[in-house]
């Protein structure tokens, strides 16, 4: 392709011919305002959609983490209550074992005269 043919192919069209398709590719030139408007609309829609999805994902993630914290906090409270209950039971069992040891010592002293 010669330089003159390239220039003819890539020069601006006449103002009367603005609505006719471009001769080089059968469609709009990239220099047409409509093309840049469509590119801008597409870019805006894509960035807006990504922003919306990111915002929604952050909200869901924060809600789930908050729920997990609540459940874990309640779980730890239940564990603490159960441990306190278990501790009081073990204290009572320990007291009963001490009483049983004292009684066995008294019985051994009484029957076998041992100390």
PDB file of N, CA and C in Angstrom:
ATOM      1  N   UNK A   1       0.850  -1.155   0.000  1.00  0.00           N
ATOM      2  CA  UNK A   1       0.000   0.000   0.000  1.00  0.00           C
ATOM      3  C   UNK A   1       0.903   1.228   0.000  1.00  0.00           C
ATOM      4  N   UNK A   2       0.618   2.129  -0.873  1.00  0.00           N
ATOM      5  CA  UNK A   2       1.424   3.360  -0.972  1.00  0.00           C
ATOM      6  C   UNK A   2       0.994   4.340   0.094  1.00  0.00           C
ATOM      7  N   UNK A   3       1.842   5.323   0.288  1.00  0.00           N
ATOM      8  CA  UNK A   3       1.566   6.323   1.310  1.00  0.00           C
ATOM      9  C   UNK A   3       0.312   7.136   0.979  1.00  0.00           C
ATOM     10  N   UNK A   4       0.121   7.438  -0.293  1.00  0.00           N
ATOM     11  CA  UNK A   4      -1.065   8.208  -0.690  1.00  0.00           C
ATOM     12  C   UNK A   4      -2.348   7.410  -0.447  1.00  0.00           C
ATOM     13  N   UNK A   5      -2.318   6.120  -0.743  1.00  0.00           N
ATOM     14  CA  UNK A   5      -3.496   5.283  -0.524  1.00  0.00           C
ATOM     15  C   UNK A   5      -3.786   5.163   0.975  1.00  0.00           C
ATOM     16  N   UNK A   6      -2.740   5.070   1.785  1.00  0.00           N
ATOM     17  CA  UNK A   6      -2.930   4.991   3.232  1.00  0.00           C
ATOM     18  C   UNK A   6      -3.556   6.280   3.759  1.00  0.00           C
ATOM     19  N   UNK A   7      -3.069   7.425   3.275  1.00  0.00           N
ATOM     20  CA  UNK A   7      -3.632   8.712   3.699  1.00  0.00           C
ATOM     21  C   UNK A   7      -5.092   8.838   3.294  1.00  0.00           C
ATOM     22  N   UNK A   8      -5.419   8.413   2.096  1.00  0.00           N
ATOM     23  CA  UNK A   8      -6.811   8.487   1.667  1.00  0.00           C
ATOM     24  C   UNK A   8      -7.705   7.582   2.506  1.00  0.00           C
ATOM     25  N   UNK A   9      -7.166   6.460   2.874  1.00  0.00           N
ATOM     26  CA  UNK A   9      -7.966   5.511   3.640  1.00  0.00           C
ATOM     27  C   UNK A   9      -8.176   5.965   5.087  1.00  0.00           C
ATOM     28  N   UNK A  10      -7.225   6.716   5.635  1.00  0.00           N
ATOM     29  CA  UNK A  10      -7.282   7.092   7.040  1.00  0.00           C
ATOM     30  C   UNK A  10      -7.555   8.571   7.279  1.00  0.00           C
ATOM     31  N   UNK A  11      -8.020   9.274   6.324  1.00  0.00           N
ATOM     32  CA  UNK A  11      -8.362  10.685   6.532  1.00  0.00           C
ATOM     33  C   UNK A  11      -9.798  10.804   6.983  1.00  0.00           C
ATOM     34  N   UNK A  12     -10.120  11.965   7.565  1.00  0.00           N
ATOM     35  CA  UNK A  12     -11.484  12.202   8.041  1.00  0.00           C
ATOM     36  C   UNK A  12     -12.435  12.280   6.847  1.00  0.00           C
ATOM     37  N   UNK A  13     -13.667  11.886   7.091  1.00  0.00           N
ATOM     38  CA  UNK A  13     -14.677  11.912   6.029  1.00  0.00           C
ATOM     39  C   UNK A  13     -15.299  13.295   5.908  1.00  0.00           C
ATOM     40  N   UNK A  14     -16.011  13.492   4.882  1.00  0.00           N
ATOM     41  CA  UNK A  14     -16.714  14.766   4.694  1.00  0.00           C
ATOM     42  C   UNK A  14     -17.819  14.898   5.726  1.00  0.00           C
ATOM     43  N   UNK A  15     -18.140  16.139   6.164  1.00  0.00           N
ATOM     44  CA  UNK A  15     -19.218  16.325   7.134  1.00  0.00           C
ATOM     45  C   UNK A  15     -20.570  15.819   6.618  1.00  0.00           C
ATOM     46  N   UNK A  16     -20.810  15.890   5.317  1.00  0.00           N
ATOM     47  CA  UNK A  16     -22.070  15.376   4.780  1.00  0.00           C
ATOM     48  C   UNK A  16     -22.122  13.852   4.862  1.00  0.00           C
ATOM     49  N   UNK A  17     -20.950  13.260   4.913  1.00  0.00           N
ATOM     50  CA  UNK A  17     -20.864  11.802   4.898  1.00  0.00           C
ATOM     51  C   UNK A  17     -20.633  11.231   6.308  1.00  0.00           C
ATOM     52  N   UNK A  18     -20.977  11.976   7.361  1.00  0.00           N
ATOM     53  CA  UNK A  18     -20.652  11.564   8.729  1.00  0.00           C
ATOM     54  C   UNK A  18     -21.417  10.319   9.180  1.00  0.00           C
ATOM     55  N   UNK A  19     -22.610  10.072   8.647  1.00  0.00           N
ATOM     56  CA  UNK A  19     -23.396   8.929   9.072  1.00  0.00           C
ATOM     57  C   UNK A  19     -23.129   7.670   8.261  1.00  0.00           C
ATOM     58  N   UNK A  20     -22.376   7.783   7.217  1.00  0.00           N
ATOM     59  CA  UNK A  20     -22.077   6.597   6.408  1.00  0.00           C
ATOM     60  C   UNK A  20     -20.962   5.806   7.082  1.00  0.00           C
ATOM     61  N   UNK A  21     -20.934   4.498   6.892  1.00  0.00           N
ATOM     62  CA  UNK A  21     -19.889   3.692   7.523  1.00  0.00           C
ATOM     63  C   UNK A  21     -18.514   4.029   6.970  1.00  0.00           C
ATOM     64  N   UNK A  22     -17.492   3.809   7.773  1.00  0.00           N
ATOM     65  CA  UNK A  22     -16.127   4.065   7.331  1.00  0.00           C
ATOM     66  C   UNK A  22     -15.745   3.065   6.258  1.00  0.00           C
ATOM     67  N   UNK A  23     -14.848   3.471   5.410  1.00  0.00           N
ATOM     68  CA  UNK A  23     -14.469   2.619   4.285  1.00  0.00           C
ATOM     69  C   UNK A  23     -13.412   1.594   4.665  1.00  0.00           C
ATOM     70  N   UNK A  24     -12.701   1.795   5.749  1.00  0.00           N
ATOM     71  CA  UNK A  24     -11.588   0.900   6.048  1.00  0.00           C
ATOM     72  C   UNK A  24     -12.006  -0.400   6.726  1.00  0.00           C
ATOM     73  N   UNK A  25     -13.066  -0.393   7.562  1.00  0.00           N
ATOM     74  CA  UNK A  25     -13.429  -1.620   8.246  1.00  0.00           C
ATOM     75  C   UNK A  25     -14.923  -1.924   8.184  1.00  0.00           C
ATOM     76  N   UNK A  26     -15.671  -1.161   7.481  1.00  0.00           N
ATOM     77  CA  UNK A  26     -17.091  -1.415   7.356  1.00  0.00           C
ATOM     78  C   UNK A  26     -17.904  -0.928   8.533  1.00  0.00           C
ATOM     79  N   UNK A  27     -17.309  -0.217   9.489  1.00  0.00           N
ATOM     80  CA  UNK A  27     -18.022   0.278  10.657  1.00  0.00           C
ATOM     81  C   UNK A  27     -17.536   1.651  11.044  1.00  0.00           C
ATOM     82  N   UNK A  28     -17.597   1.963  12.327  1.00  0.00           N
ATOM     83  CA  UNK A  28     -17.186   3.269  12.820  1.00  0.00           C
ATOM     84  C   UNK A  28     -15.677   3.363  12.936  1.00  0.00           C
ATOM     85  N   UNK A  29     -15.167   4.569  12.766  1.00  0.00           N
ATOM     86  CA  UNK A  29     -13.770   4.830  13.087  1.00  0.00           C
ATOM     87  C   UNK A  29     -13.642   4.958  14.589  1.00  0.00           C
ATOM     88  N   UNK A  30     -12.451   4.687  15.102  1.00  0.00           N
ATOM     89  CA  UNK A  30     -12.225   4.852  16.524  1.00  0.00           C
ATOM     90  C   UNK A  30     -12.174   6.319  16.901  1.00  0.00           C
ATOM     91  N   UNK A  31     -12.063   7.186  15.923  1.00  0.00           N
ATOM     92  CA  UNK A  31     -12.032   8.615  16.205  1.00  0.00           C
ATOM     93  C   UNK A  31     -13.443   9.196  16.313  1.00  0.00           C
ATOM     94  N   UNK A  32     -14.477   8.411  16.057  1.00  0.00           N
ATOM     95  CA  UNK A  32     -15.852   8.908  16.167  1.00  0.00           C
ATOM     96  C   UNK A  32     -16.225   9.073  17.636  1.00  0.00           C
ATOM     97  N   UNK A  33     -16.952  10.134  17.958  1.00  0.00           N
ATOM     98  CA  UNK A  33     -17.364  10.349  19.354  1.00  0.00           C
ATOM     99  C   UNK A  33     -18.263   9.222  19.876  1.00  0.00           C
ATOM    100  N   UNK A  34     -19.064   8.614  18.996  1.00  0.00           N
ATOM    101  CA  UNK A  34     -19.943   7.539  19.445  1.00  0.00           C
ATOM    102  C   UNK A  34     -19.133   6.349  19.958  1.00  0.00           C
ATOM    103  N   UNK A  35     -18.017   6.064  19.330  1.00  0.00           N
ATOM    104  CA  UNK A  35     -17.178   4.943  19.753  1.00  0.00           C
ATOM    105  C   UNK A  35     -16.625   5.207  21.148  1.00  0.00           C
ATOM    106  N   UNK A  36     -16.126   6.408  21.383  1.00  0.00           N
ATOM    107  CA  UNK A  36     -15.584   6.739  22.698  1.00  0.00           C
ATOM    108  C   UNK A  36     -16.680   6.803  23.759  1.00  0.00           C
ATOM    109  N   UNK A  37     -17.861   7.215  23.358  1.00  0.00           N
ATOM    110  CA  UNK A  37     -18.979   7.210  24.295  1.00  0.00           C
ATOM    111  C   UNK A  37     -19.306   5.780  24.712  1.00  0.00           C
ATOM    112  N   UNK A  38     -19.352   4.865  23.765  1.00  0.00           N
ATOM    113  CA  UNK A  38     -19.635   3.468  24.084  1.00  0.00           C
ATOM    114  C   UNK A  38     -18.521   2.851  24.944  1.00  0.00           C
ATOM    115  N   UNK A  39     -17.279   3.197  24.643  1.00  0.00           N
ATOM    116  CA  UNK A  39     -16.161   2.702  25.464  1.00  0.00           C
ATOM    117  C   UNK A  39     -16.295   3.225  26.890  1.00  0.00           C
ATOM    118  N   UNK A  40     -16.638   4.512  27.035  1.00  0.00           N
ATOM    119  CA  UNK A  40     -16.817   5.102  28.358  1.00  0.00           C
ATOM    120  C   UNK A  40     -17.968   4.470  29.119  1.00  0.00           C
ATOM    121  N   UNK A  41     -19.081   4.212  28.442  1.00  0.00           N
ATOM    122  CA  UNK A  41     -20.235   3.587  29.084  1.00  0.00           C
ATOM    123  C   UNK A  41     -19.887   2.170  29.536  1.00  0.00           C
ATOM    124  N   UNK A  42     -19.216   1.419  28.684  1.00  0.00           N
ATOM    125  CA  UNK A  42     -18.823   0.057  29.034  1.00  0.00           C
ATOM    126  C   UNK A  42     -17.866   0.049  30.232  1.00  0.00           C
ATOM    127  N   UNK A  43     -16.875   0.934  30.199  1.00  0.00           N
ATOM    128  CA  UNK A  43     -15.908   1.009  31.296  1.00  0.00           C
ATOM    129  C   UNK A  43     -16.593   1.391  32.604  1.00  0.00           C
ATOM    130  N   UNK A  44     -17.480   2.370  32.534  1.00  0.00           N
ATOM    131  CA  UNK A  44     -18.211   2.797  33.728  1.00  0.00           C
ATOM    132  C   UNK A  44     -19.070   1.666  34.281  1.00  0.00           C
ATOM    133  N   UNK A  45     -19.751   0.951  33.403  1.00  0.00           N
ATOM    134  CA  UNK A  45     -20.595  -0.164  33.853  1.00  0.00           C
ATOM    135  C   UNK A  45     -19.754  -1.264  34.490  1.00  0.00           C
ATOM    136  N   UNK A  46     -18.622  -1.582  33.912  1.00  0.00           N
ATOM    137  CA  UNK A  46     -17.778  -2.632  34.468  1.00  0.00           C
ATOM    138  C   UNK A  46     -17.198  -2.227  35.827  1.00  0.00           C
ATOM    139  N   UNK A  47     -16.684  -1.000  35.931  1.00  0.00           N
ATOM    140  CA  UNK A  47     -16.132  -0.540  37.209  1.00  0.00           C
ATOM    141  C   UNK A  47     -17.223  -0.416  38.268  1.00  0.00           C
ATOM    142  N   UNK A  48     -18.399   0.044  37.872  1.00  0.00           N
ATOM    143  CA  UNK A  48     -19.515   0.128  38.816  1.00  0.00           C
ATOM    144  C   UNK A  48     -19.943  -1.240  39.311  1.00  0.00           C
ATOM    145  N   UNK A  49     -19.995  -2.198  38.415  1.00  0.00           N
ATOM    146  CA  UNK A  49     -20.351  -3.566  38.811  1.00  0.00           C
ATOM    147  C   UNK A  49     -19.319  -4.172  39.746  1.00  0.00           C
ATOM    148  N   UNK A  50     -18.049  -3.953  39.447  1.00  0.00           N
ATOM    149  CA  UNK A  50     -17.002  -4.475  40.322  1.00  0.00           C
ATOM    150  C   UNK A  50     -17.060  -3.812  41.691  1.00  0.00           C
ATOM    151  N   UNK A  51     -17.322  -2.516  41.733  1.00  0.00           N
ATOM    152  CA  UNK A  51     -17.443  -1.807  43.005  1.00  0.00           C
ATOM    153  C   UNK A  51     -18.615  -2.338  43.810  1.00  0.00           C
ATOM    154  N   UNK A  52     -19.745  -2.540  43.149  1.00  0.00           N
ATOM    155  CA  UNK A  52     -20.930  -3.066  43.823  1.00  0.00           C
ATOM    156  C   UNK A  52     -20.663  -4.462  44.394  1.00  0.00           C
ATOM    157  N   UNK A  53     -20.041  -5.329  43.616  1.00  0.00           N
ATOM    158  CA  UNK A  53     -19.755  -6.688  44.077  1.00  0.00           C
ATOM    159  C   UNK A  53     -18.765  -6.675  45.250  1.00  0.00           C
ATOM    160  N   UNK A  54     -17.761  -5.817  45.187  1.00  0.00           N
ATOM    161  CA  UNK A  54     -16.787  -5.722  46.273  1.00  0.00           C
ATOM    162  C   UNK A  54     -17.450  -5.234  47.551  1.00  0.00           C
ATOM    163  N   UNK A  55     -18.312  -4.228  47.434  1.00  0.00           N
ATOM    164  CA  UNK A  55     -19.017  -3.691  48.602  1.00  0.00           C
ATOM    165  C   UNK A  55     -19.915  -4.747  49.222  1.00  0.00           C
ATOM    166  N   UNK A  56     -20.662  -5.454  48.402  1.00  0.00           N
ATOM    167  CA  UNK A  56     -21.554  -6.491  48.914  1.00  0.00           C
ATOM    168  C   UNK A  56     -20.763  -7.626  49.562  1.00  0.00           C
ATOM    169  N   UNK A  57     -19.655  -8.002  48.954  1.00  0.00           N
ATOM    170  CA  UNK A  57     -18.822  -9.070  49.525  1.00  0.00           C
ATOM    171  C   UNK A  57     -18.276  -8.651  50.887  1.00  0.00           C
ATOM    172  N   UNK A  58     -17.839  -7.385  51.001  1.00  0.00           N
ATOM    173  CA  UNK A  58     -17.345  -6.891  52.295  1.00  0.00           C
ATOM    174  C   UNK A  58     -18.434  -6.938  53.349  1.00  0.00           C
ATOM    175  N   UNK A  59     -19.657  -6.546  52.999  1.00  0.00           N
ATOM    176  CA  UNK A  59     -20.755  -6.565  53.958  1.00  0.00           C
ATOM    177  C   UNK A  59     -21.060  -7.985  54.416  1.00  0.00           C
ATOM    178  N   UNK A  60     -21.107  -8.905  53.480  1.00  0.00           N
ATOM    179  CA  UNK A  60     -21.393 -10.300  53.828  1.00  0.00           C
ATOM    180  C   UNK A  60     -20.282 -10.860  54.707  1.00  0.00           C
ATOM    181  N   UNK A  61     -19.046 -10.567  54.361  1.00  0.00           N
ATOM    182  CA  UNK A  61     -17.909 -11.073  55.131  1.00  0.00           C
ATOM    183  C   UNK A  61     -17.931 -10.524  56.554  1.00  0.00           C
ATOM    184  N   UNK A  62     -18.207  -9.232  56.709  1.00  0.00           N
ATOM    185  CA  UNK A  62     -18.273  -8.650  58.048  1.00  0.00           C
ATOM    186  C   UNK A  62     -19.411  -9.248  58.862  1.00  0.00           C
ATOM    187  N   UNK A  63     -20.562  -9.471  58.224  1.00  0.00           N
ATOM    188  CA  UNK A  63     -21.698 -10.062  58.936  1.00  0.00           C
ATOM    189  C   UNK A  63     -21.372 -11.480  59.389  1.00  0.00           C
ATOM    190  N   UNK A  64     -20.736 -12.248  58.529  1.00  0.00           N
ATOM    191  CA  UNK A  64     -20.397 -13.624  58.890  1.00  0.00           C
ATOM    192  C   UNK A  64     -19.370 -13.664  60.012  1.00  0.00           C
ATOM    193  N   UNK A  65     -18.389 -12.792  59.964  1.00  0.00           N
ATOM    194  CA  UNK A  65     -17.378 -12.752  61.027  1.00  0.00           C
ATOM    195  C   UNK A  65     -18.026 -12.324  62.342  1.00  0.00           C
ATOM    196  N   UNK A  66     -18.939 -11.339  62.280  1.00  0.00           N
ATOM    197  CA  UNK A  66     -19.652 -10.923  63.489  1.00  0.00           C
ATOM    198  C   UNK A  66     -20.471 -12.049  64.083  1.00  0.00           C
ATOM    199  N   UNK A  67     -21.161 -12.808  63.239  1.00  0.00           N
ATOM    200  CA  UNK A  67     -21.933 -13.955  63.715  1.00  0.00           C
ATOM    201  C   UNK A  67     -21.038 -15.017  64.330  1.00  0.00           C
ATOM    202  N   UNK A  68     -19.891 -15.235  63.711  1.00  0.00           N
ATOM    203  CA  UNK A  68     -18.950 -16.224  64.248  1.00  0.00           C
ATOM    204  C   UNK A  68     -18.421 -15.783  65.606  1.00  0.00           C
ATOM    205  N   UNK A  69     -18.133 -14.492  65.744  1.00  0.00           N
ATOM    206  CA  UNK A  69     -17.676 -13.986  67.040  1.00  0.00           C
ATOM    207  C   UNK A  69     -18.742 -14.187  68.108  1.00  0.00           C
ATOM    208  N   UNK A  70     -19.995 -13.906  67.742  1.00  0.00           N
ATOM    209  CA  UNK A  70     -21.088 -14.074  68.693  1.00  0.00           C
ATOM    210  C   UNK A  70     -21.217 -15.532  69.112  1.00  0.00           C
ATOM    211  N   UNK A  71     -21.173 -16.424  68.140  1.00  0.00           N
ATOM    212  CA  UNK A  71     -21.309 -17.852  68.447  1.00  0.00           C
ATOM    213  C   UNK A  71     -20.139 -18.351  69.288  1.00  0.00           C
ATOM    214  N   UNK A  72     -18.940 -17.892  68.955  1.00  0.00           N
ATOM    215  CA  UNK A  72     -17.780 -18.332  69.719  1.00  0.00           C
ATOM    216  C   UNK A  72     -17.829 -17.772  71.134  1.00  0.00           C
ATOM    217  N   UNK A  73     -18.281 -16.515  71.279  1.00  0.00           N
ATOM    218  CA  UNK A  73     -18.406 -15.928  72.606  1.00  0.00           C
ATOM    219  C   UNK A  73     -19.408 -16.691  73.445  1.00  0.00           C
ATOM    220  N   UNK A  74     -20.538 -17.042  72.852  1.00  0.00           N
ATOM    221  CA  UNK A  74     -21.550 -17.825  73.568  1.00  0.00           C
ATOM    222  C   UNK A  74     -21.001 -19.210  73.893  1.00  0.00           C
ATOM    223  N   UNK A  75     -20.253 -19.771  72.970  1.00  0.00           N
ATOM    224  CA  UNK A  75     -19.655 -21.091  73.210  1.00  0.00           C
ATOM    225  C   UNK A  75     -18.668 -21.060  74.355  1.00  0.00           C
ATOM    226  N   UNK A  76     -17.863 -19.995  74.437  1.00  0.00           N
ATOM    227  CA  UNK A  76     -16.908 -19.883  75.541  1.00  0.00           C
ATOM    228  C   UNK A  76     -17.628 -19.688  76.866  1.00  0.00           C
ATOM    229  N   UNK A  77     -18.747 -18.952  76.858  1.00  0.00           N
ATOM    230  CA  UNK A  77     -19.512 -18.777  78.096  1.00  0.00           C
ATOM    231  C   UNK A  77     -20.068 -20.118  78.564  1.00  0.00           C
ATOM    232  N   UNK A  78     -20.564 -20.909  77.625  1.00  0.00           N
ATOM    233  CA  UNK A  78     -21.091 -22.232  77.979  1.00  0.00           C
ATOM    234  C   UNK A  78     -19.981 -23.111  78.527  1.00  0.00           C
ATOM    235  N   UNK A  79     -18.817 -23.057  77.902  1.00  0.00           N
ATOM    236  CA  UNK A  79     -17.682 -23.853  78.382  1.00  0.00           C
ATOM    237  C   UNK A  79     -17.279 -23.400  79.777  1.00  0.00           C
ATOM    238  N   UNK A  80     -17.255 -22.079  80.009  1.00  0.00           N
ATOM    239  CA  UNK A  80     -16.885 -21.579  81.338  1.00  0.00           C
ATOM    240  C   UNK A  80     -17.892 -22.023  82.390  1.00  0.00           C
ATOM    241  N   UNK A  81     -19.187 -21.986  82.067  1.00  0.00           N
ATOM    242  CA  UNK A  81     -20.211 -22.437  83.011  1.00  0.00           C
ATOM    243  C   UNK A  81     -20.031 -23.918  83.302  1.00  0.00           C
ATOM    244  N   UNK A  82     -19.780 -24.697  82.262  1.00  0.00           N
ATOM    245  CA  UNK A  82     -19.585 -26.134  82.465  1.00  0.00           C
ATOM    246  C   UNK A  82     -18.330 -26.419  83.270  1.00  0.00           C
ATOM    247  N   UNK A  83     -17.262 -25.663  83.025  1.00  0.00           N
ATOM    248  CA  UNK A  83     -16.036 -25.863  83.800  1.00  0.00           C
ATOM    249  C   UNK A  83     -16.249 -25.486  85.262  1.00  0.00           C
ATOM    250  N   UNK A  84     -16.992 -24.416  85.506  1.00  0.00           N
ATOM    251  CA  UNK A  84     -17.287 -24.042  86.897  1.00  0.00           C
ATOM    252  C   UNK A  84     -18.112 -25.128  87.580  1.00  0.00           C
ATOM    253  N   UNK A  85     -19.081 -25.671  86.873  1.00  0.00           N
ATOM    254  CA  UNK A  85     -19.903 -26.748  87.426  1.00  0.00           C
ATOM    255  C   UNK A  85     -19.041 -27.972  87.717  1.00  0.00           C
ATOM    256  N   UNK A  86     -18.164 -28.297  86.780  1.00  0.00           N
ATOM    257  CA  UNK A  86     -17.277 -29.445  86.965  1.00  0.00           C
ATOM    258  C   UNK A  86     -16.330 -29.215  88.143  1.00  0.00           C
ATOM    259  N   UNK A  87     -15.843 -27.990  88.283  1.00  0.00           N
ATOM    260  CA  UNK A  87     -14.949 -27.671  89.393  1.00  0.00           C
ATOM    261  C   UNK A  87     -15.659 -27.833  90.736  1.00  0.00           C
ATOM    262  N   UNK A  88     -16.909 -27.373  90.826  1.00  0.00           N
ATOM    263  CA  UNK A  88     -17.642 -27.523  92.095  1.00  0.00           C
ATOM    264  C   UNK A  88     -17.913 -28.995  92.394  1.00  0.00           C
ATOM    265  N   UNK A  89     -18.211 -29.779  91.363  1.00  0.00           N
ATOM    266  CA  UNK A  89     -18.430 -31.216  91.573  1.00  0.00           C
ATOM    267  C   UNK A  89     -17.156 -31.902  92.049  1.00  0.00           C
ATOM    268  N   UNK A  90     -16.042 -31.553  91.433  1.00  0.00           N
ATOM    269  CA  UNK A  90     -14.768 -32.169  91.842  1.00  0.00           C
ATOM    270  C   UNK A  90     -14.407 -31.779  93.266  1.00  0.00           C
ATOM    271  N   UNK A  91     -14.735 -30.565  93.653  1.00  0.00           N
ATOM    272  CA  UNK A  91     -14.476 -30.137  95.029  1.00  0.00           C
ATOM    273  C   UNK A  91     -15.300 -30.971  96.011  1.00  0.00           C
ATOM    274  N   UNK A  92     -16.579 -31.211  95.664  1.00  0.00           N
ATOM    275  CA  UNK A  92     -17.422 -32.053  96.534  1.00  0.00           C
ATOM    276  C   UNK A  92     -16.909 -33.486  96.591  1.00  0.00           C
ATOM    277  N   UNK A  93     -16.493 -34.029  95.452  1.00  0.00           N
ATOM    278  CA  UNK A  93     -15.960 -35.405  95.424  1.00  0.00           C
ATOM    279  C   UNK A  93     -14.684 -35.483  96.243  1.00  0.00           C
ATOM    280  N   UNK A  94     -13.851 -34.473  96.140  1.00  0.00           N
ATOM    281  CA  UNK A  94     -12.606 -34.454  96.909  1.00  0.00           C
ATOM    282  C   UNK A  94     -12.908 -34.424  98.414  1.00  0.00           C
ATOM    283  N   UNK A  95     -13.907 -33.645  98.804  1.00  0.00           N
ATOM    284  CA  UNK A  95     -14.305 -33.619 100.224  1.00  0.00           C
ATOM    285  C   UNK A  95     -14.813 -34.973 100.677  1.00  0.00           C
ATOM    286  N   UNK A  96     -15.596 -35.651  99.852  1.00  0.00           N
ATOM    287  CA  UNK A  96     -16.112 -36.975 100.207  1.00  0.00           C
ATOM    288  C   UNK A  96     -14.989 -38.000 100.295  1.00  0.00           C
ATOM    289  N   UNK A  97     -14.018 -37.925  99.413  1.00  0.00           N
ATOM    290  CA  UNK A  97     -12.883 -38.851  99.457  1.00  0.00           C
ATOM    291  C   UNK A  97     -12.073 -38.611 100.727  1.00  0.00           C
ATOM    292  N   UNK A  98     -11.895 -37.340 101.083  1.00  0.00           N
ATOM    293  CA  UNK A  98     -11.179 -37.045 102.340  1.00  0.00           C
ATOM    294  C   UNK A  98     -11.933 -37.606 103.542  1.00  0.00           C
ATOM    295  N   UNK A  99     -13.265 -37.452 103.552  1.00  0.00           N
ATOM    296  CA  UNK A  99     -14.074 -38.028 104.652  1.00  0.00           C
ATOM    297  C   UNK A  99     -13.950 -39.548 104.671  1.00  0.00           C
ATOM    298  N   UNK A 100     -13.992 -40.175 103.489  1.00  0.00           N
ATOM    299  CA  UNK A 100     -13.862 -41.629 103.406  1.00  0.00           C
ATOM    300  C   UNK A 100     -12.494 -42.077 103.903  1.00  0.00           C
ATOM    301  N   UNK A 101     -11.446 -41.335 103.589  1.00  0.00           N
ATOM    302  CA  UNK A 101     -10.096 -41.670 104.049  1.00  0.00           C
ATOM    303  C   UNK A 101     -10.025 -41.581 105.570  1.00  0.00           C
ATOM    304  N   UNK A 102     -10.636 -40.574 106.125  1.00  0.00           N
ATOM    305  CA  UNK A 102     -10.649 -40.436 107.590  1.00  0.00           C
ATOM    306  C   UNK A 102     -11.393 -41.598 108.242  1.00  0.00           C
ATOM    307  N   UNK A 103     -12.528 -41.977 107.683  1.00  0.00           N
ATOM    308  CA  UNK A 103     -13.306 -43.095 108.232  1.00  0.00           C
ATOM    309  C   UNK A 103     -12.540 -44.405 108.114  1.00  0.00           C
ATOM    310  N   UNK A 104     -11.887 -44.647 106.975  1.00  0.00           N
ATOM    311  CA  UNK A 104     -11.094 -45.875 106.825  1.00  0.00           C
ATOM    312  C   UNK A 104      -9.929 -45.906 107.796  1.00  0.00           C
ATOM    313  N   UNK A 105      -9.319 -44.783 108.030  1.00  0.00           N
ATOM    314  CA  UNK A 105      -8.227 -44.722 109.002  1.00  0.00           C
ATOM    315  C   UNK A 105      -8.748 -45.056 110.400  1.00  0.00           C
ATOM    316  N   UNK A 106      -9.914 -44.535 110.755  1.00  0.00           N
ATOM    317  CA  UNK A 106     -10.514 -44.833 112.065  1.00  0.00           C
ATOM    318  C   UNK A 106     -10.859 -46.318 112.191  1.00  0.00           C
ATOM    319  N   UNK A 107     -11.413 -46.902 111.103  1.00  0.00           N
ATOM    320  CA  UNK A 107     -11.741 -48.338 111.135  1.00  0.00           C
ATOM    321  C   UNK A 107     -10.490 -49.195 111.264  1.00  0.00           C
ATOM    322  N   UNK A 108      -9.447 -48.847 110.524  1.00  0.00           N
ATOM    323  CA  UNK A 108      -8.203 -49.616 110.590  1.00  0.00           C
ATOM    324  C   UNK A 108      -7.608 -49.522 111.985  1.00  0.00           C
ATOM    325  N   UNK A 109      -7.657 -48.376 112.595  1.00  0.00           N
ATOM    326  CA  UNK A 109      -7.131 -48.193 113.950  1.00  0.00           C
ATOM    327  C   UNK A 109      -7.954 -49.004 114.922  1.00  0.00           C
ATOM    328  N   UNK A 110      -9.260 -49.032 114.741  1.00  0.00           N
ATOM    329  CA  UNK A 110     -10.155 -49.726 115.682  1.00  0.00           C
ATOM    330  C   UNK A 110      -9.980 -51.252 115.579  1.00  0.00           C
ATOM    331  N   UNK A 111      -9.934 -51.785 114.325  1.00  0.00           N
ATOM    332  CA  UNK A 111      -9.889 -53.243 114.191  1.00  0.00           C
ATOM    333  C   UNK A 111      -8.471 -53.797 114.289  1.00  0.00           C
ATOM    334  N   UNK A 112      -7.507 -53.158 113.722  1.00  0.00           N
ATOM    335  CA  UNK A 112      -6.154 -53.726 113.699  1.00  0.00           C
ATOM    336  C   UNK A 112      -5.187 -52.974 114.580  1.00  0.00           C
ATOM    337  N   UNK A 113      -5.649 -52.025 115.216  1.00  0.00           N
ATOM    338  CA  UNK A 113      -4.852 -51.188 116.099  1.00  0.00           C
ATOM    339  C   UNK A 113      -3.622 -50.648 115.391  1.00  0.00           C
ATOM    340  N   UNK A 114      -3.832 -50.270 114.134  1.00  0.00           N
ATOM    341  CA  UNK A 114      -2.726 -49.710 113.338  1.00  0.00           C
ATOM    342  C   UNK A 114      -2.921 -48.203 113.200  1.00  0.00           C
ATOM    343  N   UNK A 115      -1.890 -47.601 112.770  1.00  0.00           N
ATOM    344  CA  UNK A 115      -1.982 -46.151 112.654  1.00  0.00           C
ATOM    345  C   UNK A 115      -1.837 -45.700 111.239  1.00  0.00           C
TER     346      UNK A 115
END
